Amino acid sequence: MGLLSKLFGSNQDVKKGPPEQEVEVHFSYGSTNFQHVYALEDLVRHAISDAAVGEYEGHELASDGSDGRLFMYGPDAEALYRAISPVLSASALMSGATVTLWFGPRKWRTVKRVIQLPS
């Protein structure tokens, strides 16, 4: 073992956690009254927390209320989707929404699955 490896550790000593995966929900909204989005956000946050599958990161809403996005992260995008799917299905806001499951950090070649929710 070299001097630098003794001081700083080797590359093999670095612990790698599970890859961060993401679920993004893109939906049409059509209002600047965001209270319904905030209520849905709370339900999604609780579903993820109760299932212990990751965390709800937040939302992005167009200032004119035309559309929005919800962002969730965890070690398994499929598990995240299974946890939030009943909440999305029960919400009228999610009619026709697009759910994208990213199986790793977003990059050009990251594997993803796109799900179109019924209108």
C-alpha atoms as a PDB file:
ATOM      1  CA  MET A   1       0.000   0.000   0.000  1.00  0.00           C
ATOM      2  CA  GLY A   2       1.452   3.354  -1.017  1.00  0.00           C
ATOM      3  CA  LEU A   3       1.745   6.435   1.179  1.00  0.00           C
ATOM      4  CA  LEU A   4      -1.185   8.198  -0.508  1.00  0.00           C
ATOM      5  CA  SER A   5      -3.395   5.129  -0.130  1.00  0.00           C
ATOM      6  CA  LYS A   6      -2.545   4.985   3.574  1.00  0.00           C
ATOM      7  CA  LEU A   7      -3.375   8.670   4.009  1.00  0.00           C
ATOM      8  CA  PHE A   8      -6.503   8.915   1.885  1.00  0.00           C
ATOM      9  CA  GLY A   9      -7.626   5.315   1.454  1.00  0.00           C
ATOM     10  CA  SER A  10      -7.872   3.498  -1.825  1.00  0.00           C
ATOM     11  CA  ASN A  11     -10.639   3.703  -4.390  1.00  0.00           C
ATOM     12  CA  GLN A  12     -11.779   0.278  -3.205  1.00  0.00           C
ATOM     13  CA  ASP A  13     -12.455   1.705   0.285  1.00  0.00           C
ATOM     14  CA  VAL A  14     -15.158   4.016  -1.049  1.00  0.00           C
ATOM     15  CA  LYS A  15     -18.559   2.581  -0.227  1.00  0.00           C
ATOM     16  CA  LYS A  16     -21.006   2.767  -3.027  1.00  0.00           C
ATOM     17  CA  GLY A  17     -24.669   2.961  -2.100  1.00  0.00           C
ATOM     18  CA  PRO A  18     -27.492   1.850  -4.294  1.00  0.00           C
ATOM     19  CA  PRO A  19     -27.891   3.906  -7.450  1.00  0.00           C
ATOM     20  CA  GLU A  20     -30.237   6.847  -7.046  1.00  0.00           C
ATOM     21  CA  GLN A  21     -33.345   6.348  -9.136  1.00  0.00           C
ATOM     22  CA  GLU A  22     -36.090   8.846  -9.880  1.00  0.00           C
ATOM     23  CA  VAL A  23     -39.795   9.003 -10.616  1.00  0.00           C
ATOM     24  CA  GLU A  24     -41.108  12.147 -12.313  1.00  0.00           C
ATOM     25  CA  VAL A  25     -44.817  12.799 -12.789  1.00  0.00           C
ATOM     26  CA  HIS A  26     -45.697  15.387 -15.465  1.00  0.00           C
ATOM     27  CA  PHE A  27     -49.304  16.560 -15.520  1.00  0.00           C
ATOM     28  CA  SER A  28     -51.542  19.233 -17.024  1.00  0.00           C
ATOM     29  CA  TYR A  29     -53.191  21.507 -14.499  1.00  0.00           C
ATOM     30  CA  GLY A  30     -54.839  24.635 -15.876  1.00  0.00           C
ATOM     31  CA  SER A  31     -55.216  26.788 -12.769  1.00  0.00           C
ATOM     32  CA  THR A  32     -53.165  29.170 -10.662  1.00  0.00           C
ATOM     33  CA  ASN A  33     -54.916  27.908  -7.530  1.00  0.00           C
ATOM     34  CA  PHE A  34     -52.327  25.358  -6.431  1.00  0.00           C
ATOM     35  CA  GLN A  35     -54.092  24.084  -3.278  1.00  0.00           C
ATOM     36  CA  HIS A  36     -55.133  20.834  -5.025  1.00  0.00           C
ATOM     37  CA  VAL A  37     -51.548  20.180  -6.110  1.00  0.00           C
ATOM     38  CA  TYR A  38     -50.318  20.793  -2.555  1.00  0.00           C
ATOM     39  CA  ALA A  39     -52.906  18.356  -1.187  1.00  0.00           C
ATOM     40  CA  LEU A  40     -51.851  15.712  -3.724  1.00  0.00           C
ATOM     41  CA  GLU A  41     -48.224  16.384  -2.846  1.00  0.00           C
ATOM     42  CA  ASP A  42     -48.964  15.598   0.820  1.00  0.00           C
ATOM     43  CA  LEU A  43     -50.626  12.297  -0.123  1.00  0.00           C
ATOM     44  CA  VAL A  44     -47.676  11.312  -2.330  1.00  0.00           C
ATOM     45  CA  ARG A  45     -45.189  12.240   0.407  1.00  0.00           C
ATOM     46  CA  HIS A  46     -47.073  10.112   2.964  1.00  0.00           C
ATOM     47  CA  ALA A  47     -47.376   7.141   0.584  1.00  0.00           C
ATOM     48  CA  ILE A  48     -43.617   7.155  -0.016  1.00  0.00           C
ATOM     49  CA  SER A  49     -42.847   7.585   3.675  1.00  0.00           C
ATOM     50  CA  ASP A  50     -45.264   4.818   4.751  1.00  0.00           C
ATOM     51  CA  ALA A  51     -43.751   2.404   2.215  1.00  0.00           C
ATOM     52  CA  ALA A  52     -40.187   3.477   3.154  1.00  0.00           C
ATOM     53  CA  VAL A  53     -39.113   3.441  -0.509  1.00  0.00           C
ATOM     54  CA  GLY A  54     -37.449   6.819  -0.874  1.00  0.00           C
ATOM     55  CA  GLU A  55     -38.314  10.461  -0.535  1.00  0.00           C
ATOM     56  CA  TYR A  56     -40.482  13.068  -2.143  1.00  0.00           C
ATOM     57  CA  GLU A  57     -38.207  15.845  -3.403  1.00  0.00           C
ATOM     58  CA  GLY A  58     -40.718  18.486  -4.469  1.00  0.00           C
ATOM     59  CA  HIS A  59     -42.622  19.957  -7.363  1.00  0.00           C
ATOM     60  CA  GLU A  60     -42.236  22.332 -10.247  1.00  0.00           C
ATOM     61  CA  LEU A  61     -45.294  24.316 -11.329  1.00  0.00           C
ATOM     62  CA  ALA A  62     -45.646  26.649 -14.290  1.00  0.00           C
ATOM     63  CA  SER A  63     -46.442  30.161 -13.072  1.00  0.00           C
ATOM     64  CA  ASP A  64     -49.497  30.239 -15.349  1.00  0.00           C
ATOM     65  CA  GLY A  65     -50.716  26.945 -13.862  1.00  0.00           C
ATOM     66  CA  SER A  66     -50.640  25.138 -17.199  1.00  0.00           C
ATOM     67  CA  ASP A  67     -48.679  22.128 -15.994  1.00  0.00           C
ATOM     68  CA  GLY A  68     -46.559  20.704 -13.217  1.00  0.00           C
ATOM     69  CA  ARG A  69     -44.104  18.017 -12.221  1.00  0.00           C
ATOM     70  CA  LEU A  70     -43.586  15.988  -9.052  1.00  0.00           C
ATOM     71  CA  PHE A  71     -40.148  14.521  -8.255  1.00  0.00           C
ATOM     72  CA  MET A  72     -39.345  11.470  -6.099  1.00  0.00           C
ATOM     73  CA  TYR A  73     -36.043   9.694  -5.472  1.00  0.00           C
ATOM     74  CA  GLY A  74     -34.987   6.371  -3.995  1.00  0.00           C
ATOM     75  CA  PRO A  75     -33.011   3.194  -4.625  1.00  0.00           C
ATOM     76  CA  ASP A  76     -35.817   1.541  -6.662  1.00  0.00           C
ATOM     77  CA  ALA A  77     -37.986   3.518  -9.119  1.00  0.00           C
ATOM     78  CA  GLU A  78     -40.424   0.598  -9.500  1.00  0.00           C
ATOM     79  CA  ALA A  79     -40.989   0.481  -5.724  1.00  0.00           C
ATOM     80  CA  LEU A  80     -41.568   4.239  -5.689  1.00  0.00           C
ATOM     81  CA  TYR A  81     -44.122   3.919  -8.464  1.00  0.00           C
ATOM     82  CA  ARG A  82     -45.920   1.047  -6.729  1.00  0.00           C
ATOM     83  CA  ALA A  83     -46.173   3.176  -3.576  1.00  0.00           C
ATOM     84  CA  ILE A  84     -47.629   6.238  -5.310  1.00  0.00           C
ATOM     85  CA  SER A  85     -49.687   4.520  -8.002  1.00  0.00           C
ATOM     86  CA  PRO A  86     -52.888   4.248  -5.899  1.00  0.00           C
ATOM     87  CA  VAL A  87     -52.630   7.951  -4.999  1.00  0.00           C
ATOM     88  CA  LEU A  88     -52.162   8.938  -8.637  1.00  0.00           C
ATOM     89  CA  SER A  89     -55.015   6.717  -9.813  1.00  0.00           C
ATOM     90  CA  ALA A  90     -57.406   8.242  -7.256  1.00  0.00           C
ATOM     91  CA  SER A  91     -56.604  11.839  -8.235  1.00  0.00           C
ATOM     92  CA  ALA A  92     -58.518  13.630 -10.987  1.00  0.00           C
ATOM     93  CA  LEU A  93     -55.449  15.874 -11.412  1.00  0.00           C
ATOM     94  CA  MET A  94     -53.495  12.923 -12.763  1.00  0.00           C
ATOM     95  CA  SER A  95     -55.805  12.237 -15.698  1.00  0.00           C
ATOM     96  CA  GLY A  96     -53.520  11.770 -18.708  1.00  0.00           C
ATOM     97  CA  ALA A  97     -50.346  12.367 -16.678  1.00  0.00           C
ATOM     98  CA  THR A  98     -47.014  10.923 -17.788  1.00  0.00           C
ATOM     99  CA  VAL A  99     -44.910   9.062 -15.223  1.00  0.00           C
ATOM    100  CA  THR A 100     -41.238   8.539 -16.051  1.00  0.00           C
ATOM    101  CA  LEU A 101     -39.184   6.043 -14.057  1.00  0.00           C
ATOM    102  CA  TRP A 102     -35.436   6.703 -14.325  1.00  0.00           C
ATOM    103  CA  PHE A 103     -33.293   3.683 -13.374  1.00  0.00           C
ATOM    104  CA  GLY A 104     -30.185   5.654 -12.448  1.00  0.00           C
ATOM    105  CA  PRO A 105     -28.969   9.237 -12.557  1.00  0.00           C
ATOM    106  CA  ARG A 106     -30.403  11.177 -15.487  1.00  0.00           C
ATOM    107  CA  LYS A 107     -27.991  10.951 -18.339  1.00  0.00           C
ATOM    108  CA  TRP A 108     -28.220  10.443 -22.052  1.00  0.00           C
ATOM    109  CA  ARG A 109     -28.240   6.634 -21.876  1.00  0.00           C
ATOM    110  CA  THR A 110     -29.987   6.093 -18.545  1.00  0.00           C
ATOM    111  CA  VAL A 111     -32.649   3.420 -18.852  1.00  0.00           C
ATOM    112  CA  LYS A 112     -36.146   4.765 -18.299  1.00  0.00           C
ATOM    113  CA  ARG A 113     -39.734   3.588 -18.477  1.00  0.00           C
ATOM    114  CA  VAL A 114     -42.570   5.938 -19.434  1.00  0.00           C
ATOM    115  CA  ILE A 115     -46.127   5.253 -18.252  1.00  0.00           C
ATOM    116  CA  GLN A 116     -49.104   7.168 -19.613  1.00  0.00           C
ATOM    117  CA  LEU A 117     -51.946   7.334 -17.087  1.00  0.00           C
ATOM    118  CA  PRO A 118     -55.485   7.003 -18.447  1.00  0.00           C
ATOM    119  CA  SER A 119     -57.415  10.157 -19.329  1.00  0.00           C
END
